[in-house]
Amino acid sequence: MNRVVNQKGDKNSGKHKPDKPIIMIVDDEDTVLKMTELILEEEGYQVEPCSTGKEATDKFNESINAVILDISMPDMTGLEVFEKIKAKNPYVPIIFHTGSFTHNDDRRDIRRQFRPHAYVIKGSDPEQLLDTVASAVESYGNILENVKVKRPKP
């Protein structure tokens, strides 16, 4: 596979362009992964699809602008992936994309412990997912700007 290295030394597949946000999608269901990828690409996003939690934690790098993460996966739970990604970058917004929560108490408990950017139910309105991703990308851009401004100059 053709790999390129950007100015910061990150390895990205040659398909990523620096001017478009990159969204990582992590889901073990191939149909959900492909459908979400299609929805985001049609909206102009670049996509880094991952079918396992391990693949996501291995591929995650600073060029990713947001993560859409399934909670129920066989190799690692989405919650484990969440913690590993946040250890690498505490600012990146992570959207839980799940069909597994039916009780508000479960969502509330996870929201309090993990603080995801949002929850989106699988199979819901694609516009809701797109609005949530747009909000996450904008929020992340604002955070990066604030962090850059607050850093002391060498």
N, C-alpha and C. Protein backbone atom coordinates (compact mmCIF):
# COMPACT_ATOMS: atom_id res chain seq x y z
N MET A 1 0.85 -1.18 0.00
CA MET A 1 0.00 0.00 0.00
C MET A 1 0.88 1.23 0.00
N ASN A 2 0.51 2.22 -0.75
CA ASN A 2 1.25 3.46 -0.85
C ASN A 2 1.05 4.27 0.43
N ARG A 3 2.13 4.60 1.14
CA ARG A 3 2.06 5.37 2.37
C ARG A 3 2.86 6.66 2.18
N VAL A 4 2.36 7.74 2.75
CA VAL A 4 3.09 8.99 2.72
C VAL A 4 3.27 9.47 4.15
N VAL A 5 4.28 10.30 4.35
CA VAL A 5 4.53 10.88 5.66
C VAL A 5 4.32 12.38 5.54
N ASN A 6 3.44 12.94 6.41
CA ASN A 6 3.22 14.39 6.36
C ASN A 6 4.33 15.10 7.10
N GLN A 7 4.24 16.45 7.20
CA GLN A 7 5.32 17.22 7.80
C GLN A 7 5.56 16.84 9.24
N LYS A 8 4.57 16.36 9.96
CA LYS A 8 4.73 16.02 11.37
C LYS A 8 5.21 14.59 11.57
N GLY A 9 5.42 13.86 10.50
CA GLY A 9 5.96 12.52 10.61
C GLY A 9 4.92 11.43 10.75
N ASP A 10 3.63 11.76 10.64
CA ASP A 10 2.58 10.74 10.74
C ASP A 10 2.49 9.97 9.44
N LYS A 11 2.26 8.69 9.56
CA LYS A 11 2.03 7.88 8.36
C LYS A 11 0.54 7.82 8.10
N ASN A 12 0.15 8.24 6.93
CA ASN A 12 -1.24 8.19 6.49
C ASN A 12 -1.27 7.54 5.14
N SER A 13 -2.39 6.92 4.84
CA SER A 13 -2.49 6.37 3.50
C SER A 13 -2.51 7.53 2.52
N GLY A 14 -2.05 7.31 1.33
CA GLY A 14 -1.93 8.35 0.33
C GLY A 14 -3.23 9.01 -0.05
N LYS A 15 -4.36 8.46 0.35
CA LYS A 15 -5.65 9.02 -0.03
C LYS A 15 -6.04 10.25 0.78
N HIS A 16 -5.39 10.51 1.93
CA HIS A 16 -5.79 11.62 2.78
C HIS A 16 -5.21 12.94 2.30
N LYS A 17 -6.08 13.96 2.27
CA LYS A 17 -5.67 15.29 1.86
C LYS A 17 -5.64 16.18 3.10
N PRO A 18 -4.66 17.05 3.22
CA PRO A 18 -4.52 17.84 4.44
C PRO A 18 -5.64 18.84 4.69
N ASP A 19 -6.41 19.22 3.66
CA ASP A 19 -7.43 20.25 3.84
C ASP A 19 -8.81 19.72 4.22
N LYS A 20 -8.97 18.41 4.32
CA LYS A 20 -10.28 17.84 4.66
C LYS A 20 -10.17 17.05 5.96
N PRO A 21 -11.15 17.21 6.85
CA PRO A 21 -11.10 16.48 8.12
C PRO A 21 -11.13 14.96 7.92
N ILE A 22 -10.39 14.26 8.77
CA ILE A 22 -10.34 12.81 8.72
C ILE A 22 -11.12 12.26 9.91
N ILE A 23 -12.08 11.40 9.61
CA ILE A 23 -12.92 10.79 10.64
C ILE A 23 -12.60 9.30 10.68
N MET A 24 -12.24 8.82 11.86
CA MET A 24 -12.02 7.39 12.04
C MET A 24 -13.34 6.74 12.43
N ILE A 25 -13.70 5.68 11.73
CA ILE A 25 -14.90 4.90 12.05
C ILE A 25 -14.43 3.54 12.55
N VAL A 26 -14.95 3.13 13.71
CA VAL A 26 -14.56 1.85 14.28
C VAL A 26 -15.83 1.03 14.51
N ASP A 27 -15.98 -0.04 13.74
CA ASP A 27 -17.16 -0.90 13.88
C ASP A 27 -16.85 -2.27 13.32
N ASP A 28 -17.24 -3.31 14.06
CA ASP A 28 -16.98 -4.68 13.60
C ASP A 28 -18.03 -5.17 12.61
N GLU A 29 -19.13 -4.44 12.46
CA GLU A 29 -20.16 -4.82 11.48
C GLU A 29 -19.82 -4.17 10.14
N ASP A 30 -19.48 -5.00 9.17
CA ASP A 30 -19.02 -4.51 7.88
C ASP A 30 -20.04 -3.59 7.20
N THR A 31 -21.31 -3.94 7.28
CA THR A 31 -22.34 -3.11 6.62
C THR A 31 -22.42 -1.73 7.26
N VAL A 32 -22.36 -1.68 8.58
CA VAL A 32 -22.42 -0.39 9.28
C VAL A 32 -21.17 0.42 8.93
N LEU A 33 -20.02 -0.23 8.92
CA LEU A 33 -18.77 0.45 8.60
C LEU A 33 -18.83 1.06 7.20
N LYS A 34 -19.24 0.26 6.23
CA LYS A 34 -19.30 0.74 4.84
C LYS A 34 -20.37 1.83 4.65
N MET A 35 -21.52 1.67 5.28
CA MET A 35 -22.59 2.67 5.14
C MET A 35 -22.17 4.00 5.78
N THR A 36 -21.57 3.93 6.95
CA THR A 36 -21.12 5.15 7.62
C THR A 36 -20.02 5.82 6.81
N GLU A 37 -19.12 5.02 6.27
CA GLU A 37 -18.06 5.54 5.42
C GLU A 37 -18.65 6.28 4.21
N LEU A 38 -19.62 5.67 3.56
CA LEU A 38 -20.26 6.28 2.40
C LEU A 38 -20.94 7.60 2.75
N ILE A 39 -21.67 7.62 3.85
CA ILE A 39 -22.37 8.84 4.28
C ILE A 39 -21.38 9.97 4.52
N LEU A 40 -20.28 9.66 5.20
CA LEU A 40 -19.29 10.70 5.50
C LEU A 40 -18.54 11.16 4.26
N GLU A 41 -18.17 10.22 3.39
CA GLU A 41 -17.46 10.59 2.16
C GLU A 41 -18.33 11.46 1.26
N GLU A 42 -19.62 11.16 1.18
CA GLU A 42 -20.52 11.98 0.37
C GLU A 42 -20.62 13.40 0.90
N GLU A 43 -20.37 13.56 2.19
CA GLU A 43 -20.41 14.89 2.82
C GLU A 43 -19.06 15.60 2.71
N GLY A 44 -18.04 14.92 2.15
CA GLY A 44 -16.75 15.55 1.93
C GLY A 44 -15.69 15.21 2.96
N TYR A 45 -15.99 14.33 3.88
CA TYR A 45 -14.99 13.93 4.87
C TYR A 45 -14.10 12.84 4.30
N GLN A 46 -12.88 12.76 4.82
CA GLN A 46 -12.01 11.63 4.55
C GLN A 46 -12.25 10.64 5.68
N VAL A 47 -12.14 9.37 5.38
CA VAL A 47 -12.49 8.34 6.35
C VAL A 47 -11.34 7.36 6.54
N GLU A 48 -11.14 7.00 7.80
CA GLU A 48 -10.17 5.96 8.16
C GLU A 48 -11.00 4.84 8.81
N PRO A 49 -11.43 3.83 8.02
CA PRO A 49 -12.26 2.77 8.58
C PRO A 49 -11.43 1.72 9.32
N CYS A 50 -11.97 1.23 10.44
CA CYS A 50 -11.30 0.18 11.22
C CYS A 50 -12.35 -0.82 11.67
N SER A 51 -12.08 -2.10 11.45
CA SER A 51 -13.06 -3.13 11.80
C SER A 51 -12.80 -3.77 13.16
N THR A 52 -11.71 -3.39 13.82
CA THR A 52 -11.43 -3.91 15.17
C THR A 52 -10.90 -2.78 16.05
N GLY A 53 -11.03 -2.97 17.35
CA GLY A 53 -10.49 -2.00 18.28
C GLY A 53 -8.98 -1.90 18.19
N LYS A 54 -8.32 -3.03 18.03
CA LYS A 54 -6.86 -3.03 17.92
C LYS A 54 -6.40 -2.26 16.69
N GLU A 55 -7.08 -2.48 15.57
CA GLU A 55 -6.74 -1.73 14.35
C GLU A 55 -6.88 -0.23 14.60
N ALA A 56 -7.93 0.17 15.29
CA ALA A 56 -8.16 1.59 15.57
C ALA A 56 -7.06 2.18 16.45
N THR A 57 -6.71 1.47 17.51
CA THR A 57 -5.68 2.01 18.40
C THR A 57 -4.31 2.03 17.71
N ASP A 58 -4.07 1.08 16.82
CA ASP A 58 -2.81 1.07 16.06
C ASP A 58 -2.75 2.20 15.04
N LYS A 59 -3.88 2.48 14.36
CA LYS A 59 -3.91 3.48 13.29
C LYS A 59 -4.10 4.90 13.80
N PHE A 60 -4.62 5.05 15.02
CA PHE A 60 -4.93 6.40 15.50
C PHE A 60 -3.68 7.26 15.54
N ASN A 61 -3.81 8.49 15.03
CA ASN A 61 -2.70 9.45 15.04
C ASN A 61 -3.26 10.86 15.11
N GLU A 62 -2.39 11.84 15.20
CA GLU A 62 -2.84 13.22 15.41
C GLU A 62 -3.57 13.83 14.21
N SER A 63 -3.58 13.17 13.08
CA SER A 63 -4.31 13.73 11.93
C SER A 63 -5.81 13.43 11.99
N ILE A 64 -6.23 12.56 12.89
CA ILE A 64 -7.66 12.21 13.03
C ILE A 64 -8.37 13.35 13.74
N ASN A 65 -9.48 13.83 13.14
CA ASN A 65 -10.24 14.95 13.70
C ASN A 65 -11.39 14.52 14.60
N ALA A 66 -11.86 13.29 14.45
CA ALA A 66 -12.95 12.77 15.29
C ALA A 66 -13.01 11.26 15.09
N VAL A 67 -13.61 10.58 16.06
CA VAL A 67 -13.75 9.12 16.01
C VAL A 67 -15.21 8.76 16.22
N ILE A 68 -15.73 7.89 15.36
CA ILE A 68 -17.06 7.30 15.53
C ILE A 68 -16.81 5.87 15.97
N LEU A 69 -17.28 5.53 17.17
CA LEU A 69 -16.86 4.30 17.81
C LEU A 69 -18.03 3.44 18.27
N ASP A 70 -18.06 2.21 17.79
CA ASP A 70 -19.03 1.22 18.27
C ASP A 70 -18.61 0.80 19.67
N ILE A 71 -19.57 0.52 20.54
CA ILE A 71 -19.24 0.11 21.90
C ILE A 71 -19.06 -1.40 22.00
N SER A 72 -19.91 -2.16 21.31
CA SER A 72 -19.87 -3.63 21.41
C SER A 72 -19.09 -4.23 20.25
N MET A 73 -17.85 -4.64 20.54
CA MET A 73 -17.02 -5.28 19.54
C MET A 73 -16.35 -6.49 20.18
N PRO A 74 -16.01 -7.49 19.39
CA PRO A 74 -15.48 -8.74 19.97
C PRO A 74 -14.05 -8.67 20.51
N ASP A 75 -13.16 -7.93 19.86
CA ASP A 75 -11.75 -7.97 20.29
C ASP A 75 -11.47 -7.06 21.48
N MET A 76 -12.02 -5.88 21.45
CA MET A 76 -11.91 -4.90 22.54
C MET A 76 -13.24 -4.18 22.59
N THR A 77 -13.70 -3.83 23.77
CA THR A 77 -14.94 -3.06 23.82
C THR A 77 -14.63 -1.64 23.35
N GLY A 78 -15.66 -0.94 22.92
CA GLY A 78 -15.48 0.46 22.55
C GLY A 78 -14.98 1.29 23.71
N LEU A 79 -15.34 0.89 24.93
CA LEU A 79 -14.88 1.62 26.11
C LEU A 79 -13.37 1.47 26.30
N GLU A 80 -12.84 0.29 26.01
CA GLU A 80 -11.39 0.08 26.08
C GLU A 80 -10.69 0.89 24.99
N VAL A 81 -11.26 0.90 23.79
CA VAL A 81 -10.69 1.67 22.68
C VAL A 81 -10.71 3.16 23.04
N PHE A 82 -11.83 3.61 23.60
CA PHE A 82 -11.98 5.00 24.03
C PHE A 82 -10.82 5.40 24.94
N GLU A 83 -10.56 4.58 25.96
CA GLU A 83 -9.50 4.89 26.92
C GLU A 83 -8.12 4.94 26.26
N LYS A 84 -7.86 4.01 25.35
CA LYS A 84 -6.55 3.97 24.68
C LYS A 84 -6.37 5.19 23.76
N ILE A 85 -7.42 5.57 23.05
CA ILE A 85 -7.33 6.74 22.16
C ILE A 85 -7.18 8.01 22.99
N LYS A 86 -7.95 8.13 24.06
CA LYS A 86 -7.87 9.33 24.91
C LYS A 86 -6.51 9.44 25.60
N ALA A 87 -5.87 8.30 25.85
CA ALA A 87 -4.51 8.33 26.42
C ALA A 87 -3.53 8.92 25.41
N LYS A 88 -3.79 8.71 24.13
CA LYS A 88 -2.93 9.26 23.08
C LYS A 88 -3.25 10.73 22.81
N ASN A 89 -4.56 11.07 22.86
CA ASN A 89 -4.99 12.44 22.59
C ASN A 89 -6.27 12.71 23.39
N PRO A 90 -6.15 13.39 24.52
CA PRO A 90 -7.32 13.62 25.37
C PRO A 90 -8.35 14.57 24.77
N TYR A 91 -7.98 15.29 23.72
CA TYR A 91 -8.87 16.30 23.15
C TYR A 91 -9.76 15.79 22.01
N VAL A 92 -9.35 14.72 21.33
CA VAL A 92 -10.09 14.28 20.14
C VAL A 92 -11.51 13.88 20.53
N PRO A 93 -12.50 14.37 19.80
CA PRO A 93 -13.88 14.01 20.13
C PRO A 93 -14.20 12.59 19.67
N ILE A 94 -14.86 11.84 20.56
CA ILE A 94 -15.26 10.48 20.25
C ILE A 94 -16.77 10.39 20.37
N ILE A 95 -17.39 9.90 19.29
CA ILE A 95 -18.84 9.74 19.22
C ILE A 95 -19.15 8.27 19.36
N PHE A 96 -19.93 7.90 20.37
CA PHE A 96 -20.37 6.51 20.48
C PHE A 96 -21.49 6.28 19.48
N HIS A 97 -21.30 5.30 18.63
CA HIS A 97 -22.27 4.92 17.58
C HIS A 97 -22.72 3.51 17.92
N THR A 98 -23.87 3.41 18.54
CA THR A 98 -24.24 2.12 19.11
C THR A 98 -25.72 1.82 18.97
N GLY A 99 -26.01 0.57 19.04
CA GLY A 99 -27.39 0.12 19.07
C GLY A 99 -27.64 -0.66 20.34
N SER A 100 -26.62 -0.72 21.20
CA SER A 100 -26.68 -1.63 22.34
C SER A 100 -27.31 -1.04 23.60
N PHE A 101 -27.52 0.27 23.66
CA PHE A 101 -28.11 0.84 24.87
C PHE A 101 -29.60 1.02 24.73
N THR A 102 -30.33 0.44 25.62
CA THR A 102 -31.77 0.62 25.62
C THR A 102 -32.23 1.39 26.86
N HIS A 103 -31.41 1.42 27.89
CA HIS A 103 -31.78 2.10 29.13
C HIS A 103 -31.00 3.40 29.28
N ASN A 104 -31.72 4.46 29.61
CA ASN A 104 -31.06 5.76 29.81
C ASN A 104 -30.05 5.71 30.94
N ASP A 105 -30.30 4.87 31.96
CA ASP A 105 -29.36 4.76 33.08
C ASP A 105 -28.00 4.26 32.60
N ASP A 106 -27.99 3.30 31.66
CA ASP A 106 -26.72 2.78 31.12
C ASP A 106 -25.96 3.90 30.42
N ARG A 107 -26.66 4.66 29.59
CA ARG A 107 -26.02 5.76 28.87
C ARG A 107 -25.51 6.81 29.84
N ARG A 108 -26.30 7.14 30.83
CA ARG A 108 -25.91 8.15 31.80
C ARG A 108 -24.65 7.72 32.56
N ASP A 109 -24.60 6.45 32.97
CA ASP A 109 -23.42 5.94 33.68
C ASP A 109 -22.16 6.03 32.81
N ILE A 110 -22.27 5.63 31.56
CA ILE A 110 -21.11 5.67 30.66
C ILE A 110 -20.74 7.12 30.34
N ARG A 111 -21.76 7.96 30.15
CA ARG A 111 -21.48 9.37 29.87
C ARG A 111 -20.72 10.01 31.04
N ARG A 112 -21.10 9.69 32.25
CA ARG A 112 -20.43 10.26 33.42
C ARG A 112 -19.00 9.76 33.56
N GLN A 113 -18.78 8.49 33.24
CA GLN A 113 -17.44 7.92 33.40
C GLN A 113 -16.51 8.28 32.24
N PHE A 114 -17.02 8.26 31.00
CA PHE A 114 -16.15 8.41 29.83
C PHE A 114 -16.23 9.77 29.15
N ARG A 115 -17.30 10.49 29.28
CA ARG A 115 -17.48 11.81 28.66
C ARG A 115 -17.29 11.81 27.14
N PRO A 116 -18.05 10.99 26.40
CA PRO A 116 -17.95 11.04 24.93
C PRO A 116 -18.50 12.37 24.41
N HIS A 117 -18.14 12.72 23.21
CA HIS A 117 -18.68 13.93 22.58
C HIS A 117 -20.20 13.79 22.42
N ALA A 118 -20.65 12.59 22.03
CA ALA A 118 -22.08 12.36 21.81
C ALA A 118 -22.36 10.87 21.66
N TYR A 119 -23.64 10.55 21.68
CA TYR A 119 -24.13 9.22 21.34
C TYR A 119 -24.99 9.35 20.09
N VAL A 120 -24.82 8.45 19.16
CA VAL A 120 -25.71 8.38 18.00
C VAL A 120 -26.14 6.93 17.87
N ILE A 121 -27.42 6.71 17.76
CA ILE A 121 -27.95 5.35 17.64
C ILE A 121 -27.77 4.87 16.21
N LYS A 122 -27.23 3.66 16.05
CA LYS A 122 -27.07 3.07 14.71
C LYS A 122 -28.41 2.97 14.03
N GLY A 123 -28.42 3.29 12.75
CA GLY A 123 -29.64 3.19 11.96
C GLY A 123 -30.55 4.40 12.10
N SER A 124 -30.13 5.39 12.91
CA SER A 124 -30.96 6.60 13.04
C SER A 124 -30.73 7.49 11.81
N ASP A 125 -31.33 8.63 11.82
CA ASP A 125 -31.25 9.58 10.72
C ASP A 125 -29.79 9.93 10.40
N PRO A 126 -29.35 9.71 9.15
CA PRO A 126 -27.97 10.05 8.78
C PRO A 126 -27.64 11.53 9.02
N GLU A 127 -28.63 12.39 8.93
CA GLU A 127 -28.40 13.82 9.17
C GLU A 127 -27.98 14.06 10.62
N GLN A 128 -28.52 13.27 11.54
CA GLN A 128 -28.12 13.40 12.94
C GLN A 128 -26.64 13.05 13.10
N LEU A 129 -26.21 12.00 12.44
CA LEU A 129 -24.80 11.61 12.49
C LEU A 129 -23.93 12.70 11.88
N LEU A 130 -24.34 13.22 10.71
CA LEU A 130 -23.56 14.27 10.05
C LEU A 130 -23.49 15.54 10.90
N ASP A 131 -24.60 15.94 11.51
CA ASP A 131 -24.60 17.11 12.39
C ASP A 131 -23.66 16.90 13.57
N THR A 132 -23.68 15.69 14.13
CA THR A 132 -22.84 15.38 15.28
C THR A 132 -21.36 15.40 14.89
N VAL A 133 -21.04 14.84 13.73
CA VAL A 133 -19.65 14.85 13.25
C VAL A 133 -19.19 16.28 12.99
N ALA A 134 -20.03 17.08 12.34
CA ALA A 134 -19.68 18.47 12.06
C ALA A 134 -19.41 19.22 13.37
N SER A 135 -20.23 19.00 14.36
CA SER A 135 -20.06 19.62 15.67
C SER A 135 -18.75 19.16 16.32
N ALA A 136 -18.45 17.87 16.22
CA ALA A 136 -17.22 17.33 16.81
C ALA A 136 -15.98 17.92 16.14
N VAL A 137 -15.99 18.00 14.82
CA VAL A 137 -14.84 18.54 14.08
C VAL A 137 -14.64 20.02 14.43
N GLU A 138 -15.73 20.77 14.49
CA GLU A 138 -15.64 22.20 14.84
C GLU A 138 -15.12 22.37 16.27
N SER A 139 -15.66 21.59 17.18
CA SER A 139 -15.24 21.65 18.58
C SER A 139 -13.75 21.33 18.71
N TYR A 140 -13.31 20.30 18.01
CA TYR A 140 -11.90 19.89 18.06
C TYR A 140 -11.00 21.00 17.51
N GLY A 141 -11.41 21.61 16.43
CA GLY A 141 -10.64 22.73 15.86
C GLY A 141 -10.51 23.86 16.86
N ASN A 142 -11.60 24.19 17.58
CA ASN A 142 -11.57 25.24 18.58
C ASN A 142 -10.64 24.87 19.74
N ILE A 143 -10.70 23.63 20.17
CA ILE A 143 -9.83 23.16 21.26
C ILE A 143 -8.37 23.27 20.85
N LEU A 144 -8.05 22.82 19.65
CA LEU A 144 -6.66 22.88 19.18
C LEU A 144 -6.16 24.33 19.11
N GLU A 145 -7.03 25.23 18.68
CA GLU A 145 -6.67 26.64 18.60
C GLU A 145 -6.39 27.18 20.01
N ASN A 146 -7.24 26.84 20.98
CA ASN A 146 -7.04 27.30 22.36
C ASN A 146 -5.76 26.73 22.96
N VAL A 147 -5.50 25.45 22.72
CA VAL A 147 -4.30 24.81 23.25
C VAL A 147 -3.06 25.48 22.65
N LYS A 148 -3.11 25.78 21.35
CA LYS A 148 -1.98 26.40 20.67
C LYS A 148 -1.73 27.81 21.23
N VAL A 149 -2.80 28.55 21.48
CA VAL A 149 -2.67 29.91 21.99
C VAL A 149 -2.13 29.92 23.41
N LYS A 150 -2.52 28.95 24.23
CA LYS A 150 -2.11 28.91 25.63
C LYS A 150 -0.72 28.33 25.86
N ARG A 151 -0.15 27.67 24.88
CA ARG A 151 1.18 27.08 25.06
C ARG A 151 2.22 28.19 25.16
N PRO A 152 3.15 28.08 26.11
CA PRO A 152 4.22 29.08 26.20
C PRO A 152 5.15 28.97 25.00
N LYS A 153 5.65 30.11 24.59
CA LYS A 153 6.58 30.13 23.44
C LYS A 153 7.95 29.70 23.93
N PRO A 154 8.66 28.89 23.11
CA PRO A 154 10.00 28.42 23.53
C PRO A 154 11.03 29.53 23.54
